[in-house]
Amino acid sequence: SSGIRAQAGKELAEKMPKSKRAKVVSLTKVKKRPKEKKDDLIEDIRESCEKFSRVFLVSIENERNQFMQEVRKQLRPGKLVCTKNKVMQTALGTSPENECQDNIHKLSQMISGHCALLFTNQSPEEVEKIFAEYRPSDFARSGSNATGTVTLSRGTDALAALPHSIEAHLRQLGLPTVLKEGQIHLLGEHTVCTAGKELSADAAQVLKLLDIKQANFTLTVEAHWQKNGDFKDCSALED
């Protein structure tokens, strides 16, 4: 009878759901802690300083993932690193005592705002040419500044390209509209945005509906360092 009980117990155990605690987790699947990731990034930046002859500090405007992927392709075999400013500064060093390469602390001290490090063997002229030629546009996001004033005139022409089903949504976005005979009528002249002023979420949505792109993705060289210790502040040249 003890043999029958043991067999029954074994069958019951097989039917029961397995405990999650008993799972064997492969070490390759364990996520790295933030500290480990940060250390890896710092090491990667230092290795790149050793591998490439030049480092450029690049400021970024209107960053979009697809644009960054494209520009990275164009800069290969160079490497564009975009991470927290503090991590980039720690990796490069901010003084002659802790810098990872001669004189690179000067570039590190200029890291501020939204920027990236470009490691490459290309000349400044070649890099500037890539940046000048690749400036795609996209829809502006709320919080960014309008690059132009957009005013819609009274009547049906300004909104003629939009489907009549969207009229109620346009009213929610602040446009003085009414639907007459299947056409959207603008009851008065309406300024969507003013050049130089911050875009509201509603204004950004209206511009998108009207297919007006006001955001240009731009990369600007702010500073340049090379292996022999030469450093050049390029931000002063822009003005």
Protein backbone atom coordinates (compact mmCIF):
# COMPACT_ATOMS: atom_id res chain seq x y z
CA SER A 1 0.00 0.00 0.00
CA SER A 2 2.91 2.34 0.67
CA GLY A 3 4.05 1.71 -2.94
CA ILE A 4 0.60 2.68 -4.27
CA ARG A 5 0.61 5.84 -2.09
CA ALA A 6 4.08 6.83 -3.34
CA GLN A 7 2.98 6.35 -6.96
CA ALA A 8 -0.19 8.42 -6.38
CA GLY A 9 1.87 11.15 -4.72
CA LYS A 10 4.27 11.23 -7.65
CA GLU A 11 1.39 11.55 -10.17
CA LEU A 12 -0.18 14.37 -8.10
CA ALA A 13 3.14 16.22 -7.93
CA GLU A 14 3.50 16.01 -11.71
CA LYS A 15 0.01 17.49 -12.21
CA MET A 16 0.58 20.42 -9.83
CA PRO A 17 1.86 23.71 -11.31
CA LYS A 18 5.59 24.10 -10.85
CA SER A 19 6.72 26.65 -8.29
CA LYS A 20 8.17 29.77 -9.88
CA ARG A 21 10.72 29.88 -7.10
CA ALA A 22 12.15 26.59 -8.30
CA LYS A 23 12.93 27.98 -11.76
CA VAL A 24 16.55 27.98 -12.84
CA VAL A 25 17.35 31.39 -14.30
CA SER A 26 20.15 31.56 -16.83
CA LEU A 27 22.70 34.18 -15.75
CA THR A 28 22.72 35.66 -19.25
CA LYS A 29 19.12 36.77 -18.68
CA VAL A 30 19.81 38.64 -15.43
CA LYS A 31 19.45 42.36 -16.10
CA LYS A 32 22.43 44.50 -15.28
CA ARG A 33 22.09 46.89 -12.39
CA PRO A 34 22.17 50.63 -13.27
CA LYS A 35 25.62 50.91 -11.64
CA GLU A 36 27.01 48.12 -13.85
CA LYS A 37 25.49 49.70 -16.98
CA LYS A 38 27.01 53.05 -16.05
CA ASP A 39 30.44 51.48 -15.47
CA ASP A 40 30.23 49.73 -18.87
CA LEU A 41 29.34 53.03 -20.59
CA ILE A 42 32.27 54.83 -18.92
CA GLU A 43 34.63 52.04 -19.99
CA ASP A 44 33.21 52.12 -23.54
CA ILE A 45 33.74 55.90 -23.83
CA ARG A 46 37.34 55.61 -22.59
CA GLU A 47 38.07 52.79 -25.03
CA SER A 48 36.62 54.87 -27.87
CA CYS A 49 38.91 57.77 -26.93
CA GLU A 50 41.82 55.36 -27.31
CA LYS A 51 40.56 53.80 -30.55
CA PHE A 52 39.65 56.96 -32.53
CA SER A 53 41.87 59.96 -33.26
CA ARG A 54 39.19 62.66 -32.78
CA VAL A 55 36.31 63.41 -30.42
CA PHE A 56 33.60 65.95 -31.27
CA LEU A 57 31.13 67.41 -28.79
CA VAL A 58 27.84 67.70 -30.69
CA SER A 59 24.66 69.50 -29.62
CA ILE A 60 21.34 67.98 -30.77
CA GLU A 61 18.12 69.74 -31.68
CA ASN A 62 14.78 68.00 -32.29
CA GLU A 63 16.13 64.50 -31.69
CA ARG A 64 14.11 61.66 -33.19
CA ASN A 65 15.08 57.97 -33.01
CA GLN A 66 14.84 57.35 -36.76
CA PHE A 67 17.02 60.41 -37.51
CA MET A 68 19.66 59.35 -34.96
CA GLN A 69 19.79 55.85 -36.49
CA GLU A 70 20.27 57.32 -39.97
CA VAL A 71 23.02 59.75 -38.96
CA ARG A 72 24.81 56.96 -37.07
CA LYS A 73 24.89 54.95 -40.32
CA GLN A 74 26.39 57.91 -42.16
CA LEU A 75 29.08 58.41 -39.50
CA ARG A 76 30.29 54.79 -39.48
CA PRO A 77 32.83 53.47 -38.60
CA GLY A 78 32.69 56.46 -36.26
CA LYS A 79 30.58 56.19 -33.13
CA LEU A 80 27.95 58.61 -31.79
CA VAL A 81 27.38 58.21 -28.03
CA CYS A 82 24.39 59.88 -26.44
CA THR A 83 23.96 59.28 -22.71
CA LYS A 84 23.69 61.28 -19.47
CA ASN A 85 26.00 64.30 -19.42
CA LYS A 86 27.37 63.33 -15.99
CA VAL A 87 28.36 59.88 -17.31
CA MET A 88 30.19 61.40 -20.31
CA GLN A 89 32.00 63.86 -18.04
CA THR A 90 33.01 61.14 -15.57
CA ALA A 91 34.36 59.00 -18.43
CA LEU A 92 36.41 61.80 -20.02
CA GLY A 93 37.45 63.48 -16.76
CA THR A 94 36.91 67.14 -15.90
CA SER A 95 40.42 68.18 -14.83
CA PRO A 96 44.04 67.53 -15.88
CA GLU A 97 44.32 65.18 -12.88
CA ASN A 98 41.48 62.81 -13.82
CA GLU A 99 41.20 63.15 -17.64
CA CYS A 100 41.48 59.93 -19.69
CA GLN A 101 43.45 61.62 -22.53
CA ASP A 102 45.69 64.70 -22.69
CA ASN A 103 43.66 67.93 -22.64
CA ILE A 104 40.27 66.20 -23.16
CA HIS A 105 39.01 67.71 -19.88
CA LYS A 106 38.49 70.97 -21.80
CA LEU A 107 35.92 69.27 -24.04
CA SER A 108 34.36 67.53 -21.02
CA GLN A 109 33.86 70.88 -19.24
CA MET A 110 31.75 72.11 -22.19
CA ILE A 111 29.22 69.25 -21.94
CA SER A 112 25.81 70.77 -21.19
CA GLY A 113 22.27 70.67 -22.53
CA HIS A 114 21.25 67.96 -24.97
CA CYS A 115 24.45 66.66 -26.54
CA ALA A 116 26.45 63.64 -27.68
CA LEU A 117 30.06 62.57 -28.24
CA LEU A 118 31.21 61.61 -31.72
CA PHE A 119 34.32 59.39 -31.87
CA THR A 120 35.79 59.30 -35.36
CA ASN A 121 38.89 59.48 -37.55
CA GLN A 122 37.15 61.83 -39.99
CA SER A 123 38.27 65.44 -40.34
CA PRO A 124 36.16 68.33 -39.00
CA GLU A 125 35.33 69.28 -42.60
CA GLU A 126 33.96 65.80 -43.35
CA VAL A 127 31.88 65.75 -40.16
CA GLU A 128 30.50 69.27 -40.76
CA LYS A 129 29.53 68.26 -44.31
CA ILE A 130 27.50 65.25 -43.08
CA PHE A 131 25.74 67.43 -40.47
CA ALA A 132 25.00 70.20 -42.98
CA GLU A 133 23.53 67.81 -45.54
CA TYR A 134 21.42 65.75 -43.14
CA ARG A 135 18.74 68.01 -41.65
CA PRO A 136 15.40 66.22 -41.99
CA SER A 137 12.21 67.88 -40.78
CA ASP A 138 9.46 66.49 -38.59
CA PHE A 139 6.33 67.68 -36.80
CA ALA A 140 7.15 70.00 -33.92
CA ARG A 141 6.31 68.84 -30.41
CA SER A 142 4.62 70.88 -27.70
CA GLY A 143 7.10 72.92 -25.69
CA SER A 144 9.33 73.64 -28.69
CA ASN A 145 9.42 77.09 -30.26
CA ALA A 146 7.48 77.76 -33.47
CA THR A 147 9.80 78.48 -36.41
CA GLY A 148 7.09 80.39 -38.28
CA THR A 149 3.70 82.03 -37.78
CA VAL A 150 0.75 80.02 -39.07
CA THR A 151 -2.52 81.91 -39.56
CA LEU A 152 -5.64 80.29 -41.01
CA SER A 153 -8.01 82.48 -42.98
CA ARG A 154 -11.77 82.54 -42.44
CA GLY A 155 -13.89 80.28 -44.66
CA THR A 156 -13.46 76.74 -45.99
CA ASP A 157 -10.12 76.89 -47.88
CA ALA A 158 -7.72 76.60 -44.94
CA LEU A 159 -9.24 73.31 -43.70
CA ALA A 160 -10.44 71.91 -47.05
CA ALA A 161 -7.97 69.00 -46.96
CA LEU A 162 -9.36 67.66 -43.69
CA PRO A 163 -12.29 65.18 -43.47
CA HIS A 164 -15.54 66.67 -42.13
CA SER A 165 -15.62 63.99 -39.41
CA ILE A 166 -12.75 65.80 -37.63
CA GLU A 167 -14.66 69.08 -37.10
CA ALA A 168 -15.63 68.38 -33.45
CA HIS A 169 -12.00 67.51 -32.68
CA LEU A 170 -10.83 70.81 -34.23
CA ARG A 171 -13.21 72.68 -31.92
CA GLN A 172 -11.68 70.84 -28.95
CA LEU A 173 -8.27 72.05 -30.14
CA GLY A 174 -9.48 75.65 -29.98
CA LEU A 175 -10.42 76.36 -33.60
CA PRO A 176 -13.65 78.35 -34.14
CA THR A 177 -15.26 75.90 -36.58
CA VAL A 178 -18.72 74.78 -37.64
CA LEU A 179 -19.88 72.04 -40.02
CA LYS A 180 -22.12 73.21 -42.88
CA GLU A 181 -23.23 71.01 -45.77
CA GLY A 182 -20.39 68.56 -45.18
CA GLN A 183 -17.69 71.27 -45.15
CA ILE A 184 -15.68 72.62 -42.25
CA HIS A 185 -16.06 76.40 -41.97
CA LEU A 186 -13.62 78.53 -39.99
CA LEU A 187 -15.72 81.30 -38.46
CA GLY A 188 -12.86 83.78 -38.20
CA GLU A 189 -9.14 84.18 -38.84
CA HIS A 190 -7.18 81.96 -36.46
CA THR A 191 -3.48 82.07 -35.52
CA VAL A 192 -2.26 78.55 -34.73
CA CYS A 193 1.24 79.62 -33.65
CA THR A 194 3.55 82.64 -33.64
CA ALA A 195 7.21 82.48 -34.68
CA GLY A 196 9.57 82.27 -31.71
CA LYS A 197 6.84 81.45 -29.20
CA GLU A 198 6.37 78.12 -27.42
CA LEU A 199 3.97 75.66 -29.01
CA SER A 200 1.05 74.43 -26.92
CA ALA A 201 -0.02 70.77 -27.15
CA ASP A 202 -3.13 71.86 -29.09
CA ALA A 203 -1.14 73.96 -31.57
CA ALA A 204 1.33 71.09 -32.16
CA GLN A 205 -1.61 68.78 -32.93
CA VAL A 206 -3.22 71.30 -35.34
CA LEU A 207 0.10 71.68 -37.22
CA LYS A 208 0.31 67.90 -37.54
CA LEU A 209 -3.26 67.69 -38.90
CA LEU A 210 -2.39 70.39 -41.44
CA ASP A 211 0.83 68.48 -42.36
CA ILE A 212 3.06 71.44 -41.41
CA LYS A 213 6.53 70.35 -40.23
CA GLN A 214 8.39 72.94 -38.17
CA ALA A 215 11.06 70.85 -36.45
CA ASN A 216 14.45 70.45 -38.11
CA PHE A 217 16.80 67.79 -36.75
CA THR A 218 20.20 69.45 -36.45
CA LEU A 219 23.58 68.37 -35.13
CA THR A 220 26.08 71.15 -34.37
CA VAL A 221 29.78 70.73 -33.52
CA GLU A 222 30.42 72.63 -30.27
CA ALA A 223 34.01 71.48 -29.67
CA HIS A 224 36.67 69.25 -31.15
CA TRP A 225 39.59 67.36 -29.59
CA GLN A 226 42.27 65.27 -31.25
CA LYS A 227 44.87 62.74 -30.11
CA ASN A 228 47.82 65.15 -29.98
CA GLY A 229 45.95 67.12 -27.30
CA ASP A 230 44.72 69.88 -29.63
CA PHE A 231 41.41 71.32 -28.45
CA LYS A 232 39.14 73.73 -30.30
CA ASP A 233 36.02 75.47 -28.99
CA CYS A 234 33.76 75.79 -32.04
CA SER A 235 30.77 77.34 -30.25
CA ALA A 236 32.42 80.77 -30.32
CA LEU A 237 32.71 80.60 -34.15
CA GLU A 238 28.94 80.25 -34.66
CA ASP A 239 28.14 83.82 -33.59
